[in-house]
PDB file of N, CA and C in Angstrom:
ATOM      1  N   MET A   1       0.841  -1.223  -0.138  1.00  0.00           N
ATOM      2  CA  MET A   1       0.115   0.030   0.037  1.00  0.00           C
ATOM      3  C   MET A   1       0.865   1.266  -0.065  1.00  0.00           C
ATOM      4  N   ALA A   2       0.680   2.188  -0.878  1.00  0.00           N
ATOM      5  CA  ALA A   2       1.396   3.208  -1.124  1.00  0.00           C
ATOM      6  C   ALA A   2       0.946   4.280  -0.125  1.00  0.00           C
ATOM      7  N   ALA A   3       1.928   5.095   0.533  1.00  0.00           N
ATOM      8  CA  ALA A   3       1.704   6.046   1.584  1.00  0.00           C
ATOM      9  C   ALA A   3       1.331   7.294   0.697  1.00  0.00           C
ATOM     10  N   THR A   4       0.339   8.052   1.213  1.00  0.00           N
ATOM     11  CA  THR A   4       0.114   9.383   0.533  1.00  0.00           C
ATOM     12  C   THR A   4       0.834  10.512   1.354  1.00  0.00           C
ATOM     13  N   ALA A   5       1.206  11.380   0.723  1.00  0.00           N
ATOM     14  CA  ALA A   5       1.919  12.595   1.332  1.00  0.00           C
ATOM     15  C   ALA A   5       1.023  13.602   1.840  1.00  0.00           C
ATOM     16  N   THR A   6       1.252  13.979   3.093  1.00  0.00           N
ATOM     17  CA  THR A   6       0.302  15.004   3.769  1.00  0.00           C
ATOM     18  C   THR A   6       0.979  16.362   3.278  1.00  0.00           C
ATOM     19  N   PRO A   7       0.081  17.078   2.738  1.00  0.00           N
ATOM     20  CA  PRO A   7       0.547  18.527   2.390  1.00  0.00           C
ATOM     21  C   PRO A   7       1.052  19.302   3.459  1.00  0.00           C
ATOM     22  N   ASN A   8       2.121  19.938   3.330  1.00  0.00           N
ATOM     23  CA  ASN A   8       2.622  20.920   4.138  1.00  0.00           C
ATOM     24  C   ASN A   8       2.037  22.215   4.321  1.00  0.00           C
ATOM     25  N   PRO A   9       1.147  22.581   5.161  1.00  0.00           N
ATOM     26  CA  PRO A   9       0.517  24.010   5.192  1.00  0.00           C
ATOM     27  C   PRO A   9       1.560  25.113   5.170  1.00  0.00           C
ATOM     28  N   PHE A  10       2.610  24.747   5.657  1.00  0.00           N
ATOM     29  CA  PHE A  10       3.778  25.881   5.650  1.00  0.00           C
ATOM     30  C   PHE A  10       5.003  25.937   4.653  1.00  0.00           C
ATOM     31  N   GLN A  11       4.663  25.378   3.534  1.00  0.00           N
ATOM     32  CA  GLN A  11       5.616  25.156   2.523  1.00  0.00           C
ATOM     33  C   GLN A  11       6.050  26.426   1.897  1.00  0.00           C
ATOM     34  N   PHE A  12       5.090  27.657   2.152  1.00  0.00           N
ATOM     35  CA  PHE A  12       5.528  28.703   1.535  1.00  0.00           C
ATOM     36  C   PHE A  12       6.379  29.657   2.373  1.00  0.00           C
ATOM     37  N   LEU A  13       6.677  29.102   3.668  1.00  0.00           N
ATOM     38  CA  LEU A  13       7.672  29.995   4.537  1.00  0.00           C
ATOM     39  C   LEU A  13       9.026  30.399   4.025  1.00  0.00           C
ATOM     40  N   PRO A  14       9.621  29.334   3.110  1.00  0.00           N
ATOM     41  CA  PRO A  14      10.892  29.891   2.600  1.00  0.00           C
ATOM     42  C   PRO A  14      10.684  31.129   1.723  1.00  0.00           C
ATOM     43  N   LEU A  15       9.536  31.226   0.952  1.00  0.00           N
ATOM     44  CA  LEU A  15       9.369  32.347   0.089  1.00  0.00           C
ATOM     45  C   LEU A  15       8.967  33.628   0.912  1.00  0.00           C
ATOM     46  N   VAL A  16       8.310  33.424   2.132  1.00  0.00           N
ATOM     47  CA  VAL A  16       8.216  34.719   2.929  1.00  0.00           C
ATOM     48  C   VAL A  16       9.437  34.926   3.494  1.00  0.00           C
ATOM     49  N   ASP A  17      10.352  34.005   3.904  1.00  0.00           N
ATOM     50  CA  ASP A  17      11.554  34.475   4.302  1.00  0.00           C
ATOM     51  C   ASP A  17      12.587  35.216   3.376  1.00  0.00           C
ATOM     52  N   LYS A  18      12.346  34.892   2.040  1.00  0.00           N
ATOM     53  CA  LYS A  18      12.959  35.611   1.138  1.00  0.00           C
ATOM     54  C   LYS A  18      12.690  37.057   0.796  1.00  0.00           C
ATOM     55  N   CYS A  19      11.321  37.257   1.231  1.00  0.00           N
ATOM     56  CA  CYS A  19      10.696  38.519   1.023  1.00  0.00           C
ATOM     57  C   CYS A  19      10.930  39.425   2.280  1.00  0.00           C
ATOM     58  N   THR A  20      11.577  38.915   3.227  1.00  0.00           N
ATOM     59  CA  THR A  20      11.826  39.770   4.537  1.00  0.00           C
ATOM     60  C   THR A  20      12.771  40.989   4.034  1.00  0.00           C
ATOM     61  N   GLY A  21      12.239  42.298   4.446  1.00  0.00           N
ATOM     62  CA  GLY A  21      13.054  43.478   4.180  1.00  0.00           C
ATOM     63  C   GLY A  21      12.589  44.050   2.916  1.00  0.00           C
ATOM     64  N   SER A  22      11.805  43.242   2.060  1.00  0.00           N
ATOM     65  CA  SER A  22      11.391  43.942   0.756  1.00  0.00           C
ATOM     66  C   SER A  22       9.984  44.233   0.904  1.00  0.00           C
ATOM     67  N   ARG A  23       9.317  45.291   0.198  1.00  0.00           N
ATOM     68  CA  ARG A  23       7.986  45.663   0.218  1.00  0.00           C
ATOM     69  C   ARG A  23       7.219  44.684  -0.444  1.00  0.00           C
ATOM     70  N   ILE A  24       5.943  44.198   0.215  1.00  0.00           N
ATOM     71  CA  ILE A  24       5.010  43.217  -0.494  1.00  0.00           C
ATOM     72  C   ILE A  24       3.621  43.628  -0.425  1.00  0.00           C
ATOM     73  N   HIS A  25       2.780  43.158  -1.271  1.00  0.00           N
ATOM     74  CA  HIS A  25       1.554  43.470  -1.397  1.00  0.00           C
ATOM     75  C   HIS A  25       0.689  42.206  -0.952  1.00  0.00           C
ATOM     76  N   ILE A  26      -0.137  42.237   0.082  1.00  0.00           N
ATOM     77  CA  ILE A  26      -0.931  41.077   0.649  1.00  0.00           C
ATOM     78  C   ILE A  26      -2.418  41.356   0.354  1.00  0.00           C
ATOM     79  N   VAL A  27      -2.976  40.327  -0.275  1.00  0.00           N
ATOM     80  CA  VAL A  27      -4.473  40.284  -0.648  1.00  0.00           C
ATOM     81  C   VAL A  27      -5.009  39.286   0.476  1.00  0.00           C
ATOM     82  N   MET A  28      -6.066  39.807   1.259  1.00  0.00           N
ATOM     83  CA  MET A  28      -6.485  38.932   2.393  1.00  0.00           C
ATOM     84  C   MET A  28      -8.044  38.625   2.223  1.00  0.00           C
ATOM     85  N   LYS A  29      -8.751  37.844   2.950  1.00  0.00           N
ATOM     86  CA  LYS A  29      -9.905  37.447   2.784  1.00  0.00           C
ATOM     87  C   LYS A  29     -10.750  38.690   2.607  1.00  0.00           C
ATOM     88  N   ARG A  30     -12.035  38.647   1.995  1.00  0.00           N
ATOM     89  CA  ARG A  30     -12.925  39.735   1.928  1.00  0.00           C
ATOM     90  C   ARG A  30     -12.301  41.057   1.166  1.00  0.00           C
ATOM     91  N   ASP A  31     -11.236  40.722   0.063  1.00  0.00           N
ATOM     92  CA  ASP A  31     -10.751  41.614  -0.651  1.00  0.00           C
ATOM     93  C   ASP A  31      -9.963  42.711   0.144  1.00  0.00           C
ATOM     94  N   LYS A  32      -9.450  42.532   1.355  1.00  0.00           N
ATOM     95  CA  LYS A  32      -8.796  43.536   2.189  1.00  0.00           C
ATOM     96  C   LYS A  32      -7.378  43.275   1.500  1.00  0.00           C
ATOM     97  N   GLU A  33      -6.748  44.588   1.523  1.00  0.00           N
ATOM     98  CA  GLU A  33      -5.303  44.516   1.043  1.00  0.00           C
ATOM     99  C   GLU A  33      -4.496  45.510   1.867  1.00  0.00           C
ATOM    100  N   ILE A  34      -3.269  45.087   2.118  1.00  0.00           N
ATOM    101  CA  ILE A  34      -2.285  45.864   2.652  1.00  0.00           C
ATOM    102  C   ILE A  34      -0.895  45.793   1.868  1.00  0.00           C
ATOM    103  N   VAL A  35      -0.098  46.734   2.097  1.00  0.00           N
ATOM    104  CA  VAL A  35       1.324  46.673   1.555  1.00  0.00           C
ATOM    105  C   VAL A  35       2.088  47.041   2.697  1.00  0.00           C
ATOM    106  N   GLY A  36       3.333  46.269   2.843  1.00  0.00           N
ATOM    107  CA  GLY A  36       4.215  46.527   3.982  1.00  0.00           C
ATOM    108  C   GLY A  36       5.585  45.832   3.774  1.00  0.00           C
ATOM    109  N   THR A  37       6.445  46.014   4.749  1.00  0.00           N
ATOM    110  CA  THR A  37       7.662  45.403   4.630  1.00  0.00           C
ATOM    111  C   THR A  37       7.832  44.384   5.801  1.00  0.00           C
ATOM    112  N   PRO A  38       7.909  43.067   5.593  1.00  0.00           N
ATOM    113  CA  PRO A  38       8.075  42.079   6.451  1.00  0.00           C
ATOM    114  C   PRO A  38       9.347  42.233   7.385  1.00  0.00           C
ATOM    115  N   LEU A  39       9.317  42.100   8.617  1.00  0.00           N
ATOM    116  CA  LEU A  39      10.306  41.974   9.435  1.00  0.00           C
ATOM    117  C   LEU A  39      10.843  40.653   9.926  1.00  0.00           C
ATOM    118  N   GLY A  40       9.758  39.849  10.024  1.00  0.00           N
ATOM    119  CA  GLY A  40      10.006  38.429  10.325  1.00  0.00           C
ATOM    120  C   GLY A  40       8.659  37.737  10.480  1.00  0.00           C
ATOM    121  N   PHE A  41       8.713  36.349  10.834  1.00  0.00           N
ATOM    122  CA  PHE A  41       7.485  35.690  10.898  1.00  0.00           C
ATOM    123  C   PHE A  41       7.896  34.464  11.964  1.00  0.00           C
ATOM    124  N   ASP A  42       6.922  33.877  12.547  1.00  0.00           N
ATOM    125  CA  ASP A  42       7.019  32.695  13.399  1.00  0.00           C
ATOM    126  C   ASP A  42       6.705  31.248  12.693  1.00  0.00           C
ATOM    127  N   ASP A  43       6.814  30.274  13.249  1.00  0.00           N
ATOM    128  CA  ASP A  43       6.408  29.033  12.760  1.00  0.00           C
ATOM    129  C   ASP A  43       4.882  28.694  12.598  1.00  0.00           C
ATOM    130  N   SER A  44       4.230  29.778  12.974  1.00  0.00           N
ATOM    131  CA  SER A  44       2.703  29.563  12.725  1.00  0.00           C
ATOM    132  C   SER A  44       2.287  30.532  11.558  1.00  0.00           C
ATOM    133  N   ALA A  45       3.282  31.033  11.001  1.00  0.00           N
ATOM    134  CA  ALA A  45       3.148  31.989   9.626  1.00  0.00           C
ATOM    135  C   ALA A  45       2.577  33.375  10.125  1.00  0.00           C
ATOM    136  N   ASN A  46       2.636  33.755  11.490  1.00  0.00           N
ATOM    137  CA  ASN A  46       2.362  35.214  11.846  1.00  0.00           C
ATOM    138  C   ASN A  46       3.433  36.052  11.439  1.00  0.00           C
ATOM    139  N   MET A  47       2.987  37.146  10.706  1.00  0.00           N
ATOM    140  CA  MET A  47       4.127  38.113  10.189  1.00  0.00           C
ATOM    141  C   MET A  47       4.233  39.370  11.102  1.00  0.00           C
ATOM    142  N   VAL A  48       5.304  39.957  11.195  1.00  0.00           N
ATOM    143  CA  VAL A  48       5.478  41.298  11.685  1.00  0.00           C
ATOM    144  C   VAL A  48       5.845  42.005  10.434  1.00  0.00           C
ATOM    145  N   LEU A  49       4.982  43.133  10.213  1.00  0.00           N
ATOM    146  CA  LEU A  49       5.247  44.102   9.203  1.00  0.00           C
ATOM    147  C   LEU A  49       5.562  45.481   9.642  1.00  0.00           C
ATOM    148  N   GLU A  50       6.375  46.265   9.094  1.00  0.00           N
ATOM    149  CA  GLU A  50       6.437  47.707   9.371  1.00  0.00           C
ATOM    150  C   GLU A  50       5.984  48.578   8.014  1.00  0.00           C
ATOM    151  N   ASP A  51       5.768  49.667   8.372  1.00  0.00           N
ATOM    152  CA  ASP A  51       5.440  50.823   7.347  1.00  0.00           C
ATOM    153  C   ASP A  51       4.229  50.168   6.662  1.00  0.00           C
ATOM    154  N   VAL A  52       3.205  49.787   7.273  1.00  0.00           N
ATOM    155  CA  VAL A  52       1.931  48.942   6.626  1.00  0.00           C
ATOM    156  C   VAL A  52       1.000  50.205   6.209  1.00  0.00           C
ATOM    157  N   LYS A  53       0.444  49.919   4.983  1.00  0.00           N
ATOM    158  CA  LYS A  53      -0.754  50.820   4.552  1.00  0.00           C
ATOM    159  C   LYS A  53      -1.733  50.008   4.041  1.00  0.00           C
ATOM    160  N   GLY A  54      -3.058  50.262   4.388  1.00  0.00           N
ATOM    161  CA  GLY A  54      -4.139  49.612   3.868  1.00  0.00           C
ATOM    162  C   GLY A  54      -4.659  50.210   2.624  1.00  0.00           C
ATOM    163  N   ILE A  55      -5.168  49.299   1.667  1.00  0.00           N
ATOM    164  CA  ILE A  55      -5.605  49.754   0.387  1.00  0.00           C
ATOM    165  C   ILE A  55      -7.151  49.590   0.469  1.00  0.00           C
ATOM    166  N   ARG A  56      -7.918  50.468   0.059  1.00  0.00           N
ATOM    167  CA  ARG A  56      -9.237  50.430   0.075  1.00  0.00           C
ATOM    168  C   ARG A  56      -9.768  50.163  -1.447  1.00  0.00           C
ATOM    169  N   ASN A  57     -10.564  49.229  -1.498  1.00  0.00           N
ATOM    170  CA  ASN A  57     -11.217  48.861  -2.765  1.00  0.00           C
ATOM    171  C   ASN A  57     -12.412  49.393  -2.985  1.00  0.00           C
ATOM    172  N   HIS A  58     -12.698  50.129  -3.708  1.00  0.00           N
ATOM    173  CA  HIS A  58     -14.160  50.838  -3.896  1.00  0.00           C
ATOM    174  C   HIS A  58     -14.899  50.058  -5.084  1.00  0.00           C
ATOM    175  N   THR A  59     -15.590  49.086  -4.535  1.00  0.00           N
ATOM    176  CA  THR A  59     -16.291  48.286  -5.529  1.00  0.00           C
ATOM    177  C   THR A  59     -17.876  48.449  -5.489  1.00  0.00           C
TER     178      THR A  59
END
């Protein structure tokens, strides 16, 4: 019987690590958007951002 691989929900963390110190644009649920500079993150993918600005969507 072949074992099925369990997807890793944190496989994006190396990408987030590469973005640390660079300006990023984040689209969240309900079309909320922010732009900021990541300072770091933890193992649960909580991010610390600086110089954050919210973007209003007028739909």
